Amino acid sequence: MQINEATTQQIPEIGQMEVALTREMAALAPTTVRLAPPNIELIEQRIRSATNTIFVASDDGTAIGFAIVSEAEITADPSFVPHHLALLQELWVAPSHRREHVGRALLNASLAWAKQRQLDFLQLNVLAANEAARDFYQAVGFSTTQLTMNYPLTDNASQFDGNR
């Protein structure tokens, strides 16, 4: 297995993996995540950007996972401590390659990218229903610092994910 920063030639593969990720997320959170075609323009922007990157895990030349990481800043609100941080926006591994340390390798590449930029920490969001991902992130050292809670106000939101 190899981990490399994505190239524009890999955009179609990244798009296919994003669709697979979205399908899994929609199954876990159907009232908040819906299937959509990949945003090819955004993928290309992230590959070309100096403040974002996409890592691709491949096995014998076939993409088996990816991670998207971006720089961000907390500075606008004087009541928050300012930080320059990394956001792990997406991390996905093909089901056939899970539990083979691919996710850990993608995470390690993301952490190295953030450390090289001297960022304060790596932050991520994970669906409450995604127990496997929550367990993975806790096992590798992430801790919960904030929770997002929802209260349904309409019939449309009465089955809002996490409030069942």
N, C-alpha and C. Protein backbone atom coordinates (compact mmCIF):
# COMPACT_ATOMS: atom_id res chain seq x y z
N MET A 1 0.84 -1.18 0.00
CA MET A 1 0.00 0.00 0.00
C MET A 1 0.88 1.24 0.00
N GLN A 2 0.45 2.25 -0.75
CA GLN A 2 1.15 3.53 -0.82
C GLN A 2 0.18 4.66 -0.51
N ILE A 3 0.71 5.70 0.14
CA ILE A 3 -0.05 6.92 0.39
C ILE A 3 0.68 8.05 -0.34
N ASN A 4 -0.05 8.76 -1.20
CA ASN A 4 0.52 9.88 -1.94
C ASN A 4 -0.48 11.03 -1.97
N GLU A 5 0.05 12.25 -2.16
CA GLU A 5 -0.84 13.37 -2.40
C GLU A 5 -1.45 13.18 -3.78
N ALA A 6 -2.72 13.51 -3.89
CA ALA A 6 -3.47 13.28 -5.12
C ALA A 6 -2.96 14.15 -6.25
N THR A 7 -3.14 13.64 -7.45
CA THR A 7 -2.87 14.39 -8.67
C THR A 7 -4.21 14.60 -9.39
N THR A 8 -4.21 15.51 -10.33
CA THR A 8 -5.45 15.76 -11.07
C THR A 8 -5.88 14.54 -11.88
N GLN A 9 -4.95 13.66 -12.21
CA GLN A 9 -5.31 12.44 -12.93
C GLN A 9 -6.17 11.51 -12.07
N GLN A 10 -6.12 11.68 -10.76
CA GLN A 10 -6.87 10.82 -9.85
C GLN A 10 -8.27 11.36 -9.52
N ILE A 11 -8.64 12.49 -10.09
CA ILE A 11 -9.94 13.09 -9.78
C ILE A 11 -11.09 12.11 -9.99
N PRO A 12 -11.15 11.36 -11.10
CA PRO A 12 -12.27 10.42 -11.25
C PRO A 12 -12.34 9.38 -10.14
N GLU A 13 -11.18 8.84 -9.74
CA GLU A 13 -11.16 7.85 -8.65
C GLU A 13 -11.59 8.47 -7.33
N ILE A 14 -11.12 9.69 -7.06
CA ILE A 14 -11.50 10.38 -5.83
C ILE A 14 -13.01 10.63 -5.84
N GLY A 15 -13.53 11.03 -6.97
CA GLY A 15 -14.97 11.24 -7.10
C GLY A 15 -15.76 9.97 -6.80
N GLN A 16 -15.29 8.84 -7.31
CA GLN A 16 -15.98 7.57 -7.04
C GLN A 16 -15.92 7.22 -5.55
N MET A 17 -14.77 7.48 -4.92
CA MET A 17 -14.66 7.20 -3.48
C MET A 17 -15.54 8.15 -2.67
N GLU A 18 -15.65 9.41 -3.10
CA GLU A 18 -16.54 10.34 -2.40
C GLU A 18 -17.99 9.88 -2.47
N VAL A 19 -18.40 9.35 -3.62
CA VAL A 19 -19.76 8.82 -3.76
C VAL A 19 -19.97 7.65 -2.80
N ALA A 20 -18.98 6.77 -2.70
CA ALA A 20 -19.08 5.63 -1.78
C ALA A 20 -19.17 6.11 -0.33
N LEU A 21 -18.35 7.11 0.02
CA LEU A 21 -18.41 7.67 1.37
C LEU A 21 -19.79 8.27 1.64
N THR A 22 -20.29 9.05 0.70
CA THR A 22 -21.60 9.69 0.87
C THR A 22 -22.70 8.65 1.00
N ARG A 23 -22.61 7.57 0.24
CA ARG A 23 -23.60 6.49 0.34
C ARG A 23 -23.60 5.90 1.75
N GLU A 24 -22.42 5.66 2.30
CA GLU A 24 -22.34 5.12 3.66
C GLU A 24 -22.86 6.11 4.69
N MET A 25 -22.52 7.38 4.53
CA MET A 25 -22.99 8.40 5.47
C MET A 25 -24.51 8.57 5.39
N ALA A 26 -25.06 8.52 4.17
CA ALA A 26 -26.51 8.65 4.00
C ALA A 26 -27.24 7.48 4.64
N ALA A 27 -26.64 6.30 4.62
CA ALA A 27 -27.26 5.15 5.27
C ALA A 27 -27.28 5.34 6.80
N LEU A 28 -26.25 5.99 7.34
CA LEU A 28 -26.16 6.24 8.78
C LEU A 28 -26.99 7.45 9.21
N ALA A 29 -27.12 8.43 8.34
CA ALA A 29 -27.79 9.68 8.69
C ALA A 29 -28.66 10.15 7.53
N PRO A 30 -29.73 9.41 7.24
CA PRO A 30 -30.53 9.72 6.04
C PRO A 30 -31.27 11.04 6.07
N THR A 31 -31.44 11.64 7.22
CA THR A 31 -32.13 12.94 7.25
C THR A 31 -31.16 14.11 7.15
N THR A 32 -29.86 13.84 7.14
CA THR A 32 -28.90 14.93 7.02
C THR A 32 -27.95 14.78 5.83
N VAL A 33 -27.75 13.57 5.35
CA VAL A 33 -26.84 13.33 4.24
C VAL A 33 -27.62 12.69 3.09
N ARG A 34 -27.41 13.21 1.90
CA ARG A 34 -28.08 12.64 0.73
C ARG A 34 -27.07 12.37 -0.37
N LEU A 35 -27.40 11.43 -1.21
CA LEU A 35 -26.53 11.10 -2.33
C LEU A 35 -26.48 12.26 -3.31
N ALA A 36 -25.31 12.51 -3.82
CA ALA A 36 -25.10 13.57 -4.80
C ALA A 36 -23.90 13.19 -5.64
N PRO A 37 -23.84 13.70 -6.85
CA PRO A 37 -22.65 13.44 -7.66
C PRO A 37 -21.43 14.13 -7.04
N PRO A 38 -20.25 13.62 -7.29
CA PRO A 38 -19.05 14.25 -6.72
C PRO A 38 -18.86 15.65 -7.29
N ASN A 39 -18.33 16.54 -6.47
CA ASN A 39 -18.05 17.90 -6.90
C ASN A 39 -16.63 17.92 -7.48
N ILE A 40 -16.55 17.64 -8.76
CA ILE A 40 -15.25 17.51 -9.44
C ILE A 40 -14.45 18.81 -9.34
N GLU A 41 -15.13 19.94 -9.48
CA GLU A 41 -14.45 21.23 -9.41
C GLU A 41 -13.81 21.43 -8.04
N LEU A 42 -14.54 21.09 -6.98
CA LEU A 42 -14.00 21.23 -5.62
C LEU A 42 -12.83 20.28 -5.40
N ILE A 43 -12.92 19.06 -5.90
CA ILE A 43 -11.81 18.12 -5.77
C ILE A 43 -10.56 18.71 -6.43
N GLU A 44 -10.71 19.23 -7.63
CA GLU A 44 -9.56 19.82 -8.34
C GLU A 44 -9.01 21.03 -7.57
N GLN A 45 -9.89 21.87 -7.02
CA GLN A 45 -9.43 23.03 -6.24
C GLN A 45 -8.61 22.57 -5.05
N ARG A 46 -9.07 21.52 -4.38
CA ARG A 46 -8.34 21.04 -3.21
C ARG A 46 -6.98 20.47 -3.59
N ILE A 47 -6.90 19.81 -4.71
CA ILE A 47 -5.61 19.27 -5.16
C ILE A 47 -4.64 20.40 -5.48
N ARG A 48 -5.12 21.46 -6.10
CA ARG A 48 -4.26 22.57 -6.54
C ARG A 48 -3.98 23.59 -5.44
N SER A 49 -4.72 23.57 -4.36
CA SER A 49 -4.62 24.57 -3.30
C SER A 49 -3.37 24.38 -2.44
N ALA A 50 -2.85 25.49 -1.95
CA ALA A 50 -1.71 25.43 -1.02
C ALA A 50 -2.17 25.16 0.41
N THR A 51 -3.47 25.31 0.69
CA THR A 51 -3.97 25.15 2.06
C THR A 51 -4.88 23.93 2.21
N ASN A 52 -4.93 23.07 1.23
CA ASN A 52 -5.71 21.83 1.26
C ASN A 52 -4.87 20.75 0.59
N THR A 53 -5.17 19.53 0.91
CA THR A 53 -4.61 18.44 0.13
C THR A 53 -5.52 17.23 0.23
N ILE A 54 -5.34 16.34 -0.70
CA ILE A 54 -6.04 15.06 -0.68
C ILE A 54 -4.97 13.98 -0.74
N PHE A 55 -5.03 13.07 0.21
CA PHE A 55 -4.14 11.92 0.20
C PHE A 55 -4.93 10.73 -0.36
N VAL A 56 -4.26 9.94 -1.18
CA VAL A 56 -4.88 8.75 -1.77
C VAL A 56 -4.06 7.53 -1.36
N ALA A 57 -4.74 6.54 -0.84
CA ALA A 57 -4.10 5.25 -0.54
C ALA A 57 -4.36 4.35 -1.74
N SER A 58 -3.31 3.68 -2.20
CA SER A 58 -3.48 2.79 -3.34
C SER A 58 -2.78 1.47 -3.08
N ASP A 59 -3.31 0.44 -3.70
CA ASP A 59 -2.78 -0.91 -3.59
C ASP A 59 -2.68 -1.45 -5.02
N ASP A 60 -1.47 -1.73 -5.45
CA ASP A 60 -1.24 -2.19 -6.82
C ASP A 60 -1.87 -1.25 -7.85
N GLY A 61 -1.74 0.06 -7.61
CA GLY A 61 -2.22 1.06 -8.55
C GLY A 61 -3.70 1.37 -8.47
N THR A 62 -4.44 0.71 -7.58
CA THR A 62 -5.87 0.95 -7.43
C THR A 62 -6.12 1.75 -6.16
N ALA A 63 -6.89 2.82 -6.28
CA ALA A 63 -7.21 3.65 -5.12
C ALA A 63 -8.11 2.87 -4.17
N ILE A 64 -7.73 2.85 -2.89
CA ILE A 64 -8.49 2.10 -1.88
C ILE A 64 -8.93 2.98 -0.71
N GLY A 65 -8.59 4.26 -0.75
CA GLY A 65 -8.99 5.16 0.30
C GLY A 65 -8.48 6.55 0.04
N PHE A 66 -9.04 7.51 0.77
CA PHE A 66 -8.59 8.89 0.63
C PHE A 66 -8.86 9.67 1.90
N ALA A 67 -8.14 10.79 2.03
CA ALA A 67 -8.35 11.73 3.13
C ALA A 67 -8.22 13.13 2.57
N ILE A 68 -9.08 14.01 3.02
CA ILE A 68 -9.01 15.42 2.64
C ILE A 68 -8.72 16.21 3.91
N VAL A 69 -7.66 17.02 3.86
CA VAL A 69 -7.27 17.83 5.01
C VAL A 69 -7.03 19.27 4.56
N SER A 70 -7.44 20.21 5.41
CA SER A 70 -7.37 21.63 5.08
C SER A 70 -6.88 22.43 6.27
N GLU A 71 -6.25 23.57 5.98
CA GLU A 71 -5.89 24.51 7.03
C GLU A 71 -7.09 25.39 7.36
N ALA A 72 -7.20 25.79 8.62
CA ALA A 72 -8.26 26.69 9.05
C ALA A 72 -7.73 27.53 10.22
N GLU A 73 -8.45 28.60 10.52
CA GLU A 73 -8.08 29.46 11.63
C GLU A 73 -9.29 29.77 12.49
N ILE A 74 -9.03 29.85 13.78
CA ILE A 74 -10.03 30.34 14.73
C ILE A 74 -9.50 31.69 15.20
N THR A 75 -10.10 32.76 14.70
CA THR A 75 -9.63 34.09 15.09
C THR A 75 -10.75 35.11 15.22
N ALA A 76 -11.91 34.90 14.63
CA ALA A 76 -12.93 35.93 14.51
C ALA A 76 -13.58 36.33 15.83
N ASP A 77 -13.76 35.41 16.73
CA ASP A 77 -14.48 35.69 17.97
C ASP A 77 -13.47 35.87 19.11
N PRO A 78 -13.47 37.04 19.75
CA PRO A 78 -12.48 37.27 20.82
C PRO A 78 -12.66 36.37 22.04
N SER A 79 -13.80 35.69 22.16
CA SER A 79 -14.00 34.81 23.31
C SER A 79 -13.39 33.42 23.10
N PHE A 80 -12.89 33.15 21.88
CA PHE A 80 -12.24 31.87 21.61
C PHE A 80 -10.74 32.07 21.49
N VAL A 81 -10.00 31.11 21.97
CA VAL A 81 -8.54 31.14 21.85
C VAL A 81 -8.19 30.98 20.37
N PRO A 82 -7.40 31.89 19.82
CA PRO A 82 -7.04 31.75 18.40
C PRO A 82 -6.15 30.53 18.16
N HIS A 83 -6.43 29.85 17.06
CA HIS A 83 -5.64 28.68 16.66
C HIS A 83 -5.54 28.62 15.16
N HIS A 84 -4.44 28.10 14.69
CA HIS A 84 -4.24 27.75 13.29
C HIS A 84 -4.24 26.22 13.29
N LEU A 85 -5.24 25.62 12.66
CA LEU A 85 -5.45 24.18 12.80
C LEU A 85 -5.66 23.51 11.46
N ALA A 86 -5.68 22.20 11.51
CA ALA A 86 -6.00 21.39 10.34
C ALA A 86 -7.36 20.76 10.55
N LEU A 87 -8.16 20.71 9.49
CA LEU A 87 -9.46 20.04 9.52
C LEU A 87 -9.39 18.80 8.65
N LEU A 88 -9.64 17.66 9.25
CA LEU A 88 -9.76 16.43 8.48
C LEU A 88 -11.20 16.38 8.00
N GLN A 89 -11.40 16.73 6.75
CA GLN A 89 -12.76 16.89 6.23
C GLN A 89 -13.38 15.57 5.82
N GLU A 90 -12.59 14.67 5.30
CA GLU A 90 -13.10 13.36 4.90
C GLU A 90 -11.99 12.34 5.04
N LEU A 91 -12.35 11.14 5.44
CA LEU A 91 -11.44 10.01 5.44
C LEU A 91 -12.29 8.78 5.16
N TRP A 92 -11.93 8.04 4.14
CA TRP A 92 -12.71 6.86 3.76
C TRP A 92 -11.75 5.78 3.26
N VAL A 93 -12.08 4.54 3.60
CA VAL A 93 -11.32 3.37 3.14
C VAL A 93 -12.32 2.38 2.55
N ALA A 94 -11.96 1.80 1.43
CA ALA A 94 -12.82 0.79 0.80
C ALA A 94 -13.10 -0.33 1.80
N PRO A 95 -14.35 -0.80 1.88
CA PRO A 95 -14.69 -1.85 2.84
C PRO A 95 -13.77 -3.08 2.74
N SER A 96 -13.32 -3.40 1.55
CA SER A 96 -12.46 -4.58 1.37
C SER A 96 -11.06 -4.39 1.96
N HIS A 97 -10.72 -3.15 2.35
CA HIS A 97 -9.39 -2.88 2.90
C HIS A 97 -9.44 -2.32 4.32
N ARG A 98 -10.58 -2.39 4.95
CA ARG A 98 -10.69 -1.91 6.32
C ARG A 98 -10.00 -2.92 7.26
N ARG A 99 -9.53 -2.41 8.35
CA ARG A 99 -8.80 -3.20 9.35
C ARG A 99 -7.44 -3.69 8.81
N GLU A 100 -6.94 -2.98 7.80
CA GLU A 100 -5.60 -3.26 7.25
C GLU A 100 -4.67 -2.06 7.47
N HIS A 101 -5.03 -1.17 8.36
CA HIS A 101 -4.25 0.02 8.73
C HIS A 101 -4.20 1.09 7.64
N VAL A 102 -5.09 1.02 6.67
CA VAL A 102 -5.14 2.04 5.61
C VAL A 102 -5.62 3.36 6.21
N GLY A 103 -6.66 3.31 7.03
CA GLY A 103 -7.15 4.53 7.67
C GLY A 103 -6.09 5.19 8.53
N ARG A 104 -5.37 4.38 9.27
CA ARG A 104 -4.29 4.91 10.12
C ARG A 104 -3.20 5.54 9.26
N ALA A 105 -2.87 4.93 8.12
CA ALA A 105 -1.84 5.49 7.24
C ALA A 105 -2.31 6.83 6.65
N LEU A 106 -3.58 6.91 6.25
CA LEU A 106 -4.11 8.17 5.74
C LEU A 106 -4.12 9.24 6.84
N LEU A 107 -4.51 8.84 8.04
CA LEU A 107 -4.50 9.77 9.17
C LEU A 107 -3.08 10.23 9.48
N ASN A 108 -2.12 9.31 9.47
CA ASN A 108 -0.73 9.68 9.74
C ASN A 108 -0.20 10.66 8.69
N ALA A 109 -0.57 10.46 7.43
CA ALA A 109 -0.16 11.40 6.37
C ALA A 109 -0.77 12.78 6.63
N SER A 110 -2.03 12.80 7.07
CA SER A 110 -2.70 14.06 7.38
C SER A 110 -2.05 14.75 8.56
N LEU A 111 -1.70 13.98 9.58
CA LEU A 111 -1.03 14.55 10.75
C LEU A 111 0.35 15.10 10.38
N ALA A 112 1.09 14.37 9.57
CA ALA A 112 2.41 14.85 9.14
C ALA A 112 2.28 16.14 8.34
N TRP A 113 1.28 16.21 7.47
CA TRP A 113 1.02 17.42 6.68
C TRP A 113 0.76 18.60 7.61
N ALA A 114 -0.07 18.39 8.64
CA ALA A 114 -0.41 19.46 9.59
C ALA A 114 0.81 19.86 10.42
N LYS A 115 1.59 18.88 10.87
CA LYS A 115 2.78 19.19 11.66
C LYS A 115 3.80 19.96 10.85
N GLN A 116 3.96 19.59 9.58
CA GLN A 116 4.92 20.28 8.71
C GLN A 116 4.54 21.75 8.55
N ARG A 117 3.26 22.06 8.65
CA ARG A 117 2.77 23.44 8.57
C ARG A 117 2.68 24.10 9.94
N GLN A 118 3.14 23.41 10.97
CA GLN A 118 3.16 23.91 12.35
C GLN A 118 1.77 24.33 12.82
N LEU A 119 0.77 23.52 12.48
CA LEU A 119 -0.59 23.79 12.93
C LEU A 119 -0.76 23.29 14.35
N ASP A 120 -1.71 23.87 15.07
CA ASP A 120 -1.87 23.57 16.50
C ASP A 120 -2.47 22.19 16.76
N PHE A 121 -3.43 21.77 15.97
CA PHE A 121 -4.05 20.47 16.15
C PHE A 121 -4.83 20.09 14.91
N LEU A 122 -5.25 18.83 14.85
CA LEU A 122 -6.09 18.32 13.78
C LEU A 122 -7.47 18.08 14.36
N GLN A 123 -8.47 18.63 13.70
CA GLN A 123 -9.86 18.52 14.17
C GLN A 123 -10.69 17.82 13.11
N LEU A 124 -11.73 17.13 13.56
CA LEU A 124 -12.64 16.46 12.63
C LEU A 124 -14.02 16.40 13.23
N ASN A 125 -14.99 16.13 12.38
CA ASN A 125 -16.36 15.84 12.80
C ASN A 125 -16.67 14.43 12.36
N VAL A 126 -17.48 13.75 13.14
CA VAL A 126 -17.87 12.38 12.81
C VAL A 126 -19.34 12.22 13.18
N LEU A 127 -20.07 11.51 12.34
CA LEU A 127 -21.48 11.26 12.64
C LEU A 127 -21.62 10.48 13.94
N ALA A 128 -22.58 10.87 14.76
CA ALA A 128 -22.81 10.16 16.02
C ALA A 128 -23.11 8.69 15.77
N ALA A 129 -23.79 8.39 14.67
CA ALA A 129 -24.16 7.00 14.35
C ALA A 129 -23.00 6.18 13.81
N ASN A 130 -21.89 6.82 13.49
CA ASN A 130 -20.75 6.10 12.91
C ASN A 130 -19.83 5.62 14.03
N GLU A 131 -20.29 4.58 14.71
CA GLU A 131 -19.55 4.07 15.87
C GLU A 131 -18.16 3.56 15.51
N ALA A 132 -18.04 2.93 14.35
CA ALA A 132 -16.73 2.40 13.95
C ALA A 132 -15.72 3.54 13.80
N ALA A 133 -16.13 4.63 13.17
CA ALA A 133 -15.23 5.77 12.99
C ALA A 133 -14.92 6.42 14.35
N ARG A 134 -15.94 6.58 15.19
CA ARG A 134 -15.71 7.18 16.50
C ARG A 134 -14.71 6.34 17.31
N ASP A 135 -14.89 5.02 17.28
CA ASP A 135 -13.97 4.13 17.99
C ASP A 135 -12.56 4.25 17.44
N PHE A 136 -12.43 4.30 16.10
CA PHE A 136 -11.11 4.44 15.46
C PHE A 136 -10.43 5.72 15.93
N TYR A 137 -11.13 6.85 15.84
CA TYR A 137 -10.51 8.12 16.21
C TYR A 137 -10.14 8.17 17.68
N GLN A 138 -10.97 7.62 18.55
CA GLN A 138 -10.63 7.59 19.97
C GLN A 138 -9.42 6.69 20.21
N ALA A 139 -9.34 5.57 19.50
CA ALA A 139 -8.22 4.64 19.68
C ALA A 139 -6.89 5.25 19.27
N VAL A 140 -6.91 6.18 18.31
CA VAL A 140 -5.65 6.78 17.86
C VAL A 140 -5.35 8.10 18.56
N GLY A 141 -6.18 8.48 19.57
CA GLY A 141 -5.83 9.61 20.40
C GLY A 141 -6.71 10.84 20.31
N PHE A 142 -7.74 10.82 19.51
CA PHE A 142 -8.65 11.97 19.45
C PHE A 142 -9.53 11.98 20.70
N SER A 143 -9.92 13.17 21.12
CA SER A 143 -10.85 13.30 22.23
C SER A 143 -11.99 14.22 21.82
N THR A 144 -13.13 14.02 22.44
CA THR A 144 -14.30 14.84 22.16
C THR A 144 -14.15 16.18 22.87
N THR A 145 -14.25 17.27 22.11
CA THR A 145 -14.15 18.60 22.70
C THR A 145 -15.43 19.40 22.54
N GLN A 146 -16.32 18.93 21.67
CA GLN A 146 -17.57 19.64 21.42
C GLN A 146 -18.58 18.65 20.87
N LEU A 147 -19.84 18.81 21.23
CA LEU A 147 -20.92 17.98 20.69
C LEU A 147 -21.93 18.88 20.00
N THR A 148 -22.48 18.44 18.89
CA THR A 148 -23.56 19.15 18.23
C THR A 148 -24.84 18.39 18.53
N MET A 149 -25.82 19.11 19.06
CA MET A 149 -27.09 18.48 19.40
C MET A 149 -28.21 19.17 18.63
N ASN A 150 -29.20 18.41 18.21
CA ASN A 150 -30.32 18.94 17.44
C ASN A 150 -31.62 18.63 18.14
N TYR A 151 -32.55 19.58 18.06
CA TYR A 151 -33.90 19.40 18.58
C TYR A 151 -34.85 19.61 17.41
N PRO A 152 -35.63 18.59 17.03
CA PRO A 152 -36.51 18.72 15.85
C PRO A 152 -37.65 19.69 16.12
N LEU A 153 -37.89 20.58 15.17
CA LEU A 153 -38.96 21.57 15.29
C LEU A 153 -40.08 21.36 14.27
N THR A 154 -39.86 20.47 13.32
CA THR A 154 -40.88 20.19 12.31
C THR A 154 -41.02 18.69 12.15
N ASP A 155 -42.11 18.27 11.51
CA ASP A 155 -42.28 16.85 11.22
C ASP A 155 -41.15 16.34 10.34
N ASN A 156 -40.67 17.21 9.45
CA ASN A 156 -39.56 16.85 8.57
C ASN A 156 -38.31 16.49 9.36
N ALA A 157 -38.14 17.08 10.52
CA ALA A 157 -36.95 16.84 11.34
C ALA A 157 -37.23 15.92 12.51
N SER A 158 -38.44 15.39 12.62
CA SER A 158 -38.79 14.59 13.80
C SER A 158 -37.95 13.31 13.91
N GLN A 159 -37.47 12.81 12.82
CA GLN A 159 -36.60 11.64 12.84
C GLN A 159 -35.14 12.02 12.63
N PHE A 160 -34.81 13.26 13.03
CA PHE A 160 -33.45 13.76 12.81
C PHE A 160 -32.45 12.81 13.42
N ASP A 161 -31.42 12.51 12.69
CA ASP A 161 -30.40 11.55 13.12
C ASP A 161 -29.86 11.89 14.49
N GLY A 162 -29.83 10.91 15.34
CA GLY A 162 -29.35 11.09 16.69
C GLY A 162 -30.46 11.36 17.69
N ASN A 163 -31.67 11.64 17.21
CA ASN A 163 -32.80 11.92 18.10
C ASN A 163 -33.87 10.87 17.97
N ARG A 164 -33.51 9.66 17.69
CA ARG A 164 -34.51 8.60 17.48
C ARG A 164 -34.92 8.01 18.79
